Every structure is written in structure tokens, then in C-alpha cells.
Amino acid sequence: MPRVVVDVMPKPEILDPQGKAVLGALPRLGFTGVSDVRQGKRFELEVDGEVTEEVLDRVRDMAETLLSNPVIENYTVHVEQAASQA
């Protein structure tokens, strides 16, 4: 089945306390070289049939209505390629 992915991230001007907490923990755990962390959400939607522009429009409506808060978050929608089977 085709998979459509919706990635949701806080808008750049919105504070991200979870990202800041992760950023603070990284050096304490021995990880260096990271200057910023933003934490978001990822939704994977398996859809019936072919992924058409109409299907993507419906997913964008889902993202706008339920999966994100458009006041404080941005989202992107893309089709994930199926992993090839060996």
C-alpha cells in the first residue's frame, strides 16, 4: 500500500521547550557538535489505491484540520517510496 507522510514541526518563531531539553541533554550524554534541536511529529498514512493529487489534497486537509495546529505548526506532505524487497 502506498504511504503518505505528514511531518509537523513548530513554526520557527515558536519556542520549543522539548527541543531545548534534548539539546541540553546531548552534551551530558557525551554527544557534541549539535547547535539546535527542534522536535516535531511524523504521521505515516497508508492509503488505499493510487496516490493522486486528489488524495494528497485530502491528506493536506487532514493535516490542516487534525494532525497539526496551523497557528503554531507547519507541516509538509510527501509520498514515501516503498522499500524494495530482497
PDB file of N, CA and C in Angstrom:
ATOM      1  N   MET A   1       0.844  -1.194   0.000  1.00  0.00           N
ATOM      2  CA  MET A   1       0.000   0.000   0.000  1.00  0.00           C
ATOM      3  C   MET A   1       0.881   1.247   0.000  1.00  0.00           C
ATOM      4  N   PRO A   2       0.490   2.245  -0.730  1.00  0.00           N
ATOM      5  CA  PRO A   2       1.265   3.490  -0.719  1.00  0.00           C
ATOM      6  C   PRO A   2       1.212   4.166   0.652  1.00  0.00           C
ATOM      7  N   ARG A   3       2.282   4.855   0.985  1.00  0.00           N
ATOM      8  CA  ARG A   3       2.368   5.559   2.268  1.00  0.00           C
ATOM      9  C   ARG A   3       2.588   7.047   2.018  1.00  0.00           C
ATOM     10  N   VAL A   4       1.746   7.854   2.649  1.00  0.00           N
ATOM     11  CA  VAL A   4       1.891   9.303   2.598  1.00  0.00           C
ATOM     12  C   VAL A   4       2.334   9.746   3.989  1.00  0.00           C
ATOM     13  N   VAL A   5       3.372  10.566   4.044  1.00  0.00           N
ATOM     14  CA  VAL A   5       3.939  11.012   5.316  1.00  0.00           C
ATOM     15  C   VAL A   5       3.636  12.484   5.518  1.00  0.00           C
ATOM     16  N   VAL A   6       3.191  12.805   6.734  1.00  0.00           N
ATOM     17  CA  VAL A   6       2.969  14.198   7.135  1.00  0.00           C
ATOM     18  C   VAL A   6       3.955  14.487   8.264  1.00  0.00           C
ATOM     19  N   ASP A   7       4.874  15.417   8.029  1.00  0.00           N
ATOM     20  CA  ASP A   7       5.811  15.870   9.055  1.00  0.00           C
ATOM     21  C   ASP A   7       5.314  17.205   9.592  1.00  0.00           C
ATOM     22  N   VAL A   8       5.211  17.297  10.911  1.00  0.00           N
ATOM     23  CA  VAL A   8       4.708  18.504  11.570  1.00  0.00           C
ATOM     24  C   VAL A   8       5.814  19.047  12.474  1.00  0.00           C
ATOM     25  N   MET A   9       6.118  20.329  12.321  1.00  0.00           N
ATOM     26  CA  MET A   9       7.156  20.972  13.129  1.00  0.00           C
ATOM     27  C   MET A   9       6.637  22.298  13.673  1.00  0.00           C
ATOM     28  N   PRO A  10       7.125  22.692  14.865  1.00  0.00           N
ATOM     29  CA  PRO A  10       6.757  24.025  15.357  1.00  0.00           C
ATOM     30  C   PRO A  10       7.276  25.098  14.399  1.00  0.00           C
ATOM     31  N   LYS A  11       6.506  26.149  14.236  1.00  0.00           N
ATOM     32  CA  LYS A  11       6.973  27.267  13.415  1.00  0.00           C
ATOM     33  C   LYS A  11       8.256  27.828  14.032  1.00  0.00           C
ATOM     34  N   PRO A  12       9.139  28.396  13.205  1.00  0.00           N
ATOM     35  CA  PRO A  12      10.436  28.870  13.717  1.00  0.00           C
ATOM     36  C   PRO A  12      10.318  29.882  14.865  1.00  0.00           C
ATOM     37  N   GLU A  13       9.264  30.699  14.850  1.00  0.00           N
ATOM     38  CA  GLU A  13       9.132  31.725  15.892  1.00  0.00           C
ATOM     39  C   GLU A  13       8.531  31.195  17.191  1.00  0.00           C
ATOM     40  N   ILE A  14       8.132  29.932  17.214  1.00  0.00           N
ATOM     41  CA  ILE A  14       7.520  29.324  18.397  1.00  0.00           C
ATOM     42  C   ILE A  14       8.609  28.663  19.238  1.00  0.00           C
ATOM     43  N   LEU A  15       8.604  28.929  20.536  1.00  0.00           N
ATOM     44  CA  LEU A  15       9.555  28.285  21.433  1.00  0.00           C
ATOM     45  C   LEU A  15       9.311  26.776  21.426  1.00  0.00           C
ATOM     46  N   ASP A  16      10.384  26.011  21.553  1.00  0.00           N
ATOM     47  CA  ASP A  16      10.302  24.552  21.543  1.00  0.00           C
ATOM     48  C   ASP A  16      11.001  24.004  22.794  1.00  0.00           C
ATOM     49  N   PRO A  17      10.285  23.959  23.938  1.00  0.00           N
ATOM     50  CA  PRO A  17      10.926  23.508  25.173  1.00  0.00           C
ATOM     51  C   PRO A  17      11.406  22.053  25.113  1.00  0.00           C
ATOM     52  N   GLN A  18      10.721  21.192  24.387  1.00  0.00           N
ATOM     53  CA  GLN A  18      11.179  19.802  24.268  1.00  0.00           C
ATOM     54  C   GLN A  18      12.497  19.734  23.499  1.00  0.00           C
ATOM     55  N   GLY A  19      12.583  20.491  22.431  1.00  0.00           N
ATOM     56  CA  GLY A  19      13.828  20.546  21.678  1.00  0.00           C
ATOM     57  C   GLY A  19      14.965  21.092  22.518  1.00  0.00           C
ATOM     58  N   LYS A  20      14.690  22.129  23.313  1.00  0.00           N
ATOM     59  CA  LYS A  20      15.725  22.703  24.190  1.00  0.00           C
ATOM     60  C   LYS A  20      16.172  21.696  25.238  1.00  0.00           C
ATOM     61  N   ALA A  21      15.236  20.903  25.783  1.00  0.00           N
ATOM     62  CA  ALA A  21      15.588  19.880  26.767  1.00  0.00           C
ATOM     63  C   ALA A  21      16.503  18.827  26.146  1.00  0.00           C
ATOM     64  N   VAL A  22      16.197  18.404  24.933  1.00  0.00           N
ATOM     65  CA  VAL A  22      17.048  17.439  24.240  1.00  0.00           C
ATOM     66  C   VAL A  22      18.419  18.048  23.974  1.00  0.00           C
ATOM     67  N   LEU A  23      18.444  19.303  23.530  1.00  0.00           N
ATOM     68  CA  LEU A  23      19.711  19.986  23.272  1.00  0.00           C
ATOM     69  C   LEU A  23      20.573  20.042  24.525  1.00  0.00           C
ATOM     70  N   GLY A  24      19.945  20.299  25.679  1.00  0.00           N
ATOM     71  CA  GLY A  24      20.698  20.346  26.937  1.00  0.00           C
ATOM     72  C   GLY A  24      21.198  18.981  27.373  1.00  0.00           C
ATOM     73  N   ALA A  25      20.466  17.927  27.054  1.00  0.00           N
ATOM     74  CA  ALA A  25      20.852  16.577  27.477  1.00  0.00           C
ATOM     75  C   ALA A  25      21.972  15.985  26.620  1.00  0.00           C
ATOM     76  N   LEU A  26      22.055  16.365  25.368  1.00  0.00           N
ATOM     77  CA  LEU A  26      23.041  15.757  24.480  1.00  0.00           C
ATOM     78  C   LEU A  26      24.477  15.851  25.001  1.00  0.00           C
ATOM     79  N   PRO A  27      24.960  17.048  25.402  1.00  0.00           N
ATOM     80  CA  PRO A  27      26.347  17.112  25.890  1.00  0.00           C
ATOM     81  C   PRO A  27      26.556  16.306  27.179  1.00  0.00           C
ATOM     82  N   ARG A  28      25.532  16.259  28.019  1.00  0.00           N
ATOM     83  CA  ARG A  28      25.657  15.479  29.258  1.00  0.00           C
ATOM     84  C   ARG A  28      25.797  13.988  28.967  1.00  0.00           C
ATOM     85  N   LEU A  29      25.310  13.571  27.806  1.00  0.00           N
ATOM     86  CA  LEU A  29      25.416  12.173  27.402  1.00  0.00           C
ATOM     87  C   LEU A  29      26.624  11.920  26.500  1.00  0.00           C
ATOM     88  N   GLY A  30      27.449  12.947  26.305  1.00  0.00           N
ATOM     89  CA  GLY A  30      28.673  12.793  25.532  1.00  0.00           C
ATOM     90  C   GLY A  30      28.544  13.085  24.052  1.00  0.00           C
ATOM     91  N   PHE A  31      27.387  13.629  23.624  1.00  0.00           N
ATOM     92  CA  PHE A  31      27.200  13.977  22.213  1.00  0.00           C
ATOM     93  C   PHE A  31      27.477  15.461  22.027  1.00  0.00           C
ATOM     94  N   THR A  32      28.402  15.779  21.126  1.00  0.00           N
ATOM     95  CA  THR A  32      28.773  17.174  20.897  1.00  0.00           C
ATOM     96  C   THR A  32      28.533  17.544  19.437  1.00  0.00           C
ATOM     97  N   GLY A  33      28.629  18.837  19.152  1.00  0.00           N
ATOM     98  CA  GLY A  33      28.539  19.302  17.778  1.00  0.00           C
ATOM     99  C   GLY A  33      27.132  19.606  17.299  1.00  0.00           C
ATOM    100  N   VAL A  34      26.154  19.605  18.205  1.00  0.00           N
ATOM    101  CA  VAL A  34      24.780  19.927  17.830  1.00  0.00           C
ATOM    102  C   VAL A  34      24.460  21.312  18.379  1.00  0.00           C
ATOM    103  N   SER A  35      24.039  22.236  17.511  1.00  0.00           N
ATOM    104  CA  SER A  35      23.799  23.608  17.949  1.00  0.00           C
ATOM    105  C   SER A  35      22.325  23.926  18.198  1.00  0.00           C
ATOM    106  N   ASP A  36      21.401  23.095  17.686  1.00  0.00           N
ATOM    107  CA  ASP A  36      19.983  23.337  17.937  1.00  0.00           C
ATOM    108  C   ASP A  36      19.200  22.058  17.680  1.00  0.00           C
ATOM    109  N   VAL A  37      18.081  21.916  18.379  1.00  0.00           N
ATOM    110  CA  VAL A  37      17.182  20.773  18.204  1.00  0.00           C
ATOM    111  C   VAL A  37      15.762  21.307  18.182  1.00  0.00           C
ATOM    112  N   ARG A  38      14.986  20.866  17.209  1.00  0.00           N
ATOM    113  CA  ARG A  38      13.548  21.147  17.149  1.00  0.00           C
ATOM    114  C   ARG A  38      12.847  19.796  17.117  1.00  0.00           C
ATOM    115  N   GLN A  39      11.849  19.628  17.946  1.00  0.00           N
ATOM    116  CA  GLN A  39      11.134  18.360  17.995  1.00  0.00           C
ATOM    117  C   GLN A  39       9.774  18.507  17.344  1.00  0.00           C
ATOM    118  N   GLY A  40       9.418  17.531  16.520  1.00  0.00           N
ATOM    119  CA  GLY A  40       8.137  17.564  15.836  1.00  0.00           C
ATOM    120  C   GLY A  40       7.443  16.220  15.879  1.00  0.00           C
ATOM    121  N   LYS A  41       6.512  16.043  14.943  1.00  0.00           N
ATOM    122  CA  LYS A  41       5.723  14.816  14.858  1.00  0.00           C
ATOM    123  C   LYS A  41       5.766  14.305  13.427  1.00  0.00           C
ATOM    124  N   ARG A  42       5.631  12.990  13.286  1.00  0.00           N
ATOM    125  CA  ARG A  42       5.577  12.351  11.966  1.00  0.00           C
ATOM    126  C   ARG A  42       4.374  11.419  11.954  1.00  0.00           C
ATOM    127  N   PHE A  43       3.547  11.561  10.924  1.00  0.00           N
ATOM    128  CA  PHE A  43       2.387  10.700  10.731  1.00  0.00           C
ATOM    129  C   PHE A  43       2.584   9.936   9.429  1.00  0.00           C
ATOM    130  N   GLU A  44       2.415   8.622   9.474  1.00  0.00           N
ATOM    131  CA  GLU A  44       2.507   7.786   8.284  1.00  0.00           C
ATOM    132  C   GLU A  44       1.118   7.246   7.985  1.00  0.00           C
ATOM    133  N   LEU A  45       0.591   7.594   6.828  1.00  0.00           N
ATOM    134  CA  LEU A  45      -0.753   7.188   6.435  1.00  0.00           C
ATOM    135  C   LEU A  45      -0.667   6.217   5.260  1.00  0.00           C
ATOM    136  N   GLU A  46      -1.126   5.003   5.461  1.00  0.00           N
ATOM    137  CA  GLU A  46      -1.206   4.054   4.357  1.00  0.00           C
ATOM    138  C   GLU A  46      -2.553   4.258   3.686  1.00  0.00           C
ATOM    139  N   VAL A  47      -2.529   4.512   2.393  1.00  0.00           N
ATOM    140  CA  VAL A  47      -3.755   4.848   1.679  1.00  0.00           C
ATOM    141  C   VAL A  47      -4.119   3.742   0.696  1.00  0.00           C
ATOM    142  N   ASP A  48      -5.416   3.610   0.468  1.00  0.00           N
ATOM    143  CA  ASP A  48      -5.918   2.633  -0.491  1.00  0.00           C
ATOM    144  C   ASP A  48      -5.754   3.185  -1.906  1.00  0.00           C
ATOM    145  N   GLY A  49      -5.321   2.347  -2.807  1.00  0.00           N
ATOM    146  CA  GLY A  49      -5.244   2.749  -4.208  1.00  0.00           C
ATOM    147  C   GLY A  49      -4.034   3.609  -4.512  1.00  0.00           C
ATOM    148  N   GLU A  50      -4.119   4.272  -5.639  1.00  0.00           N
ATOM    149  CA  GLU A  50      -3.036   5.111  -6.148  1.00  0.00           C
ATOM    150  C   GLU A  50      -3.013   6.461  -5.424  1.00  0.00           C
ATOM    151  N   VAL A  51      -1.810   6.992  -5.239  1.00  0.00           N
ATOM    152  CA  VAL A  51      -1.677   8.322  -4.636  1.00  0.00           C
ATOM    153  C   VAL A  51      -1.773   9.351  -5.757  1.00  0.00           C
ATOM    154  N   THR A  52      -2.921   9.992  -5.829  1.00  0.00           N
ATOM    155  CA  THR A  52      -3.168  11.019  -6.843  1.00  0.00           C
ATOM    156  C   THR A  52      -3.091  12.393  -6.180  1.00  0.00           C
ATOM    157  N   GLU A  53      -3.156  13.413  -6.985  1.00  0.00           N
ATOM    158  CA  GLU A  53      -3.166  14.777  -6.447  1.00  0.00           C
ATOM    159  C   GLU A  53      -4.397  14.979  -5.557  1.00  0.00           C
ATOM    160  N   GLU A  54      -5.497  14.348  -5.908  1.00  0.00           N
ATOM    161  CA  GLU A  54      -6.716  14.434  -5.092  1.00  0.00           C
ATOM    162  C   GLU A  54      -6.497  13.800  -3.712  1.00  0.00           C
ATOM    163  N   VAL A  55      -5.824  12.660  -3.671  1.00  0.00           N
ATOM    164  CA  VAL A  55      -5.511  12.001  -2.394  1.00  0.00           C
ATOM    165  C   VAL A  55      -4.604  12.900  -1.561  1.00  0.00           C
ATOM    166  N   LEU A  56      -3.597  13.490  -2.186  1.00  0.00           N
ATOM    167  CA  LEU A  56      -2.691  14.384  -1.460  1.00  0.00           C
ATOM    168  C   LEU A  56      -3.431  15.613  -0.929  1.00  0.00           C
ATOM    169  N   ASP A  57      -4.387  16.135  -1.692  1.00  0.00           N
ATOM    170  CA  ASP A  57      -5.191  17.264  -1.220  1.00  0.00           C
ATOM    171  C   ASP A  57      -5.992  16.870   0.025  1.00  0.00           C
ATOM    172  N   ARG A  58      -6.539  15.645   0.027  1.00  0.00           N
ATOM    173  CA  ARG A  58      -7.295  15.172   1.200  1.00  0.00           C
ATOM    174  C   ARG A  58      -6.375  15.032   2.409  1.00  0.00           C
ATOM    175  N   VAL A  59      -5.158  14.545   2.192  1.00  0.00           N
ATOM    176  CA  VAL A  59      -4.197  14.416   3.292  1.00  0.00           C
ATOM    177  C   VAL A  59      -3.821  15.802   3.811  1.00  0.00           C
ATOM    178  N   ARG A  60      -3.657  16.763   2.912  1.00  0.00           N
ATOM    179  CA  ARG A  60      -3.368  18.143   3.364  1.00  0.00           C
ATOM    180  C   ARG A  60      -4.524  18.679   4.204  1.00  0.00           C
ATOM    181  N   ASP A  61      -5.760  18.365   3.818  1.00  0.00           N
ATOM    182  CA  ASP A  61      -6.915  18.760   4.631  1.00  0.00           C
ATOM    183  C   ASP A  61      -6.855  18.098   6.009  1.00  0.00           C
ATOM    184  N   MET A  62      -6.474  16.828   6.050  1.00  0.00           N
ATOM    185  CA  MET A  62      -6.320  16.130   7.333  1.00  0.00           C
ATOM    186  C   MET A  62      -5.259  16.809   8.196  1.00  0.00           C
ATOM    187  N   ALA A  63      -4.140  17.159   7.560  1.00  0.00           N
ATOM    188  CA  ALA A  63      -3.048  17.805   8.289  1.00  0.00           C
ATOM    189  C   ALA A  63      -3.487  19.152   8.848  1.00  0.00           C
ATOM    190  N   GLU A  64      -4.212  19.897   8.053  1.00  0.00           N
ATOM    191  CA  GLU A  64      -4.677  21.231   8.463  1.00  0.00           C
ATOM    192  C   GLU A  64      -5.724  21.152   9.567  1.00  0.00           C
ATOM    193  N   THR A  65      -6.567  20.109   9.524  1.00  0.00           N
ATOM    194  CA  THR A  65      -7.708  20.000  10.425  1.00  0.00           C
ATOM    195  C   THR A  65      -7.388  19.257  11.711  1.00  0.00           C
ATOM    196  N   LEU A  66      -6.614  18.172  11.619  1.00  0.00           N
ATOM    197  CA  LEU A  66      -6.433  17.289  12.767  1.00  0.00           C
ATOM    198  C   LEU A  66      -4.988  17.060  13.172  1.00  0.00           C
ATOM    199  N   LEU A  67      -4.097  16.879  12.210  1.00  0.00           N
ATOM    200  CA  LEU A  67      -2.749  16.441  12.526  1.00  0.00           C
ATOM    201  C   LEU A  67      -1.826  17.560  12.994  1.00  0.00           C
ATOM    202  N   SER A  68      -2.170  18.796  12.701  1.00  0.00           N
ATOM    203  CA  SER A  68      -1.335  19.925  13.124  1.00  0.00           C
ATOM    204  C   SER A  68      -2.204  21.032  13.686  1.00  0.00           C
ATOM    205  N   ASN A  69      -1.547  21.927  14.381  1.00  0.00           N
ATOM    206  CA  ASN A  69      -2.183  23.170  14.817  1.00  0.00           C
ATOM    207  C   ASN A  69      -1.578  24.272  13.948  1.00  0.00           C
ATOM    208  N   PRO A  70      -2.287  24.698  12.890  1.00  0.00           N
ATOM    209  CA  PRO A  70      -1.684  25.636  11.936  1.00  0.00           C
ATOM    210  C   PRO A  70      -1.314  26.997  12.516  1.00  0.00           C
ATOM    211  N   VAL A  71      -1.784  27.288  13.705  1.00  0.00           N
ATOM    212  CA  VAL A  71      -1.410  28.555  14.345  1.00  0.00           C
ATOM    213  C   VAL A  71       0.056  28.514  14.776  1.00  0.00           C
ATOM    214  N   ILE A  72       0.513  27.364  15.262  1.00  0.00           N
ATOM    215  CA  ILE A  72       1.875  27.276  15.799  1.00  0.00           C
ATOM    216  C   ILE A  72       2.755  26.241  15.097  1.00  0.00           C
ATOM    217  N   GLU A  73       2.195  25.499  14.120  1.00  0.00           N
ATOM    218  CA  GLU A  73       2.971  24.447  13.472  1.00  0.00           C
ATOM    219  C   GLU A  73       2.868  24.546  11.949  1.00  0.00           C
ATOM    220  N   ASN A  74       3.948  24.142  11.293  1.00  0.00           N
ATOM    221  CA  ASN A  74       3.970  23.954   9.848  1.00  0.00           C
ATOM    222  C   ASN A  74       3.963  22.460   9.563  1.00  0.00           C
ATOM    223  N   TYR A  75       3.491  22.082   8.394  1.00  0.00           N
ATOM    224  CA  TYR A  75       3.523  20.674   8.024  1.00  0.00           C
ATOM    225  C   TYR A  75       3.934  20.529   6.565  1.00  0.00           C
ATOM    226  N   THR A  76       4.485  19.365   6.255  1.00  0.00           N
ATOM    227  CA  THR A  76       4.787  19.001   4.878  1.00  0.00           C
ATOM    228  C   THR A  76       4.172  17.625   4.616  1.00  0.00           C
ATOM    229  N   VAL A  77       3.798  17.400   3.370  1.00  0.00           N
ATOM    230  CA  VAL A  77       3.194  16.136   2.956  1.00  0.00           C
ATOM    231  C   VAL A  77       4.032  15.592   1.812  1.00  0.00           C
ATOM    232  N   HIS A  78       4.416  14.325   1.913  1.00  0.00           N
ATOM    233  CA  HIS A  78       5.128  13.697   0.802  1.00  0.00           C
ATOM    234  C   HIS A  78       4.826  12.206   0.762  1.00  0.00           C
ATOM    235  N   VAL A  79       5.055  11.617  -0.401  1.00  0.00           N
ATOM    236  CA  VAL A  79       4.848  10.189  -0.596  1.00  0.00           C
ATOM    237  C   VAL A  79       6.173   9.495  -0.316  1.00  0.00           C
ATOM    238  N   GLU A  80       6.119   8.468   0.513  1.00  0.00           N
ATOM    239  CA  GLU A  80       7.321   7.702   0.826  1.00  0.00           C
ATOM    240  C   GLU A  80       7.396   6.504  -0.115  1.00  0.00           C
ATOM    241  N   GLN A  81       8.528   6.321  -0.710  1.00  0.00           N
ATOM    242  CA  GLN A  81       8.718   5.213  -1.636  1.00  0.00           C
ATOM    243  C   GLN A  81       8.711   3.902  -0.857  1.00  0.00           C
ATOM    244  N   ALA A  82       8.092   2.906  -1.398  1.00  0.00           N
ATOM    245  CA  ALA A  82       8.056   1.586  -0.766  1.00  0.00           C
ATOM    246  C   ALA A  82       9.455   1.004  -0.767  1.00  0.00           C
ATOM    247  N   ALA A  83       9.812   0.365   0.335  1.00  0.00           N
ATOM    248  CA  ALA A  83      11.116  -0.269   0.425  1.00  0.00           C
ATOM    249  C   ALA A  83      11.142  -1.483  -0.504  1.00  0.00           C
ATOM    250  N   SER A  84      12.224  -1.625  -1.229  1.00  0.00           N
ATOM    251  CA  SER A  84      12.315  -2.773  -2.136  1.00  0.00           C
ATOM    252  C   SER A  84      12.558  -4.040  -1.321  1.00  0.00           C
ATOM    253  N   GLN A  85      11.926  -5.104  -1.735  1.00  0.00           N
ATOM    254  CA  GLN A  85      12.060  -6.373  -1.027  1.00  0.00           C
ATOM    255  C   GLN A  85      13.197  -7.183  -1.650  1.00  0.00           C
ATOM    256  N   ALA A  86      14.022  -7.759  -0.796  1.00  0.00           N
ATOM    257  CA  ALA A  86      15.176  -8.533  -1.278  1.00  0.00           C
ATOM    258  C   ALA A  86      14.814  -9.975  -1.507  1.00  0.00           C
TER     259      ALA A  86
END
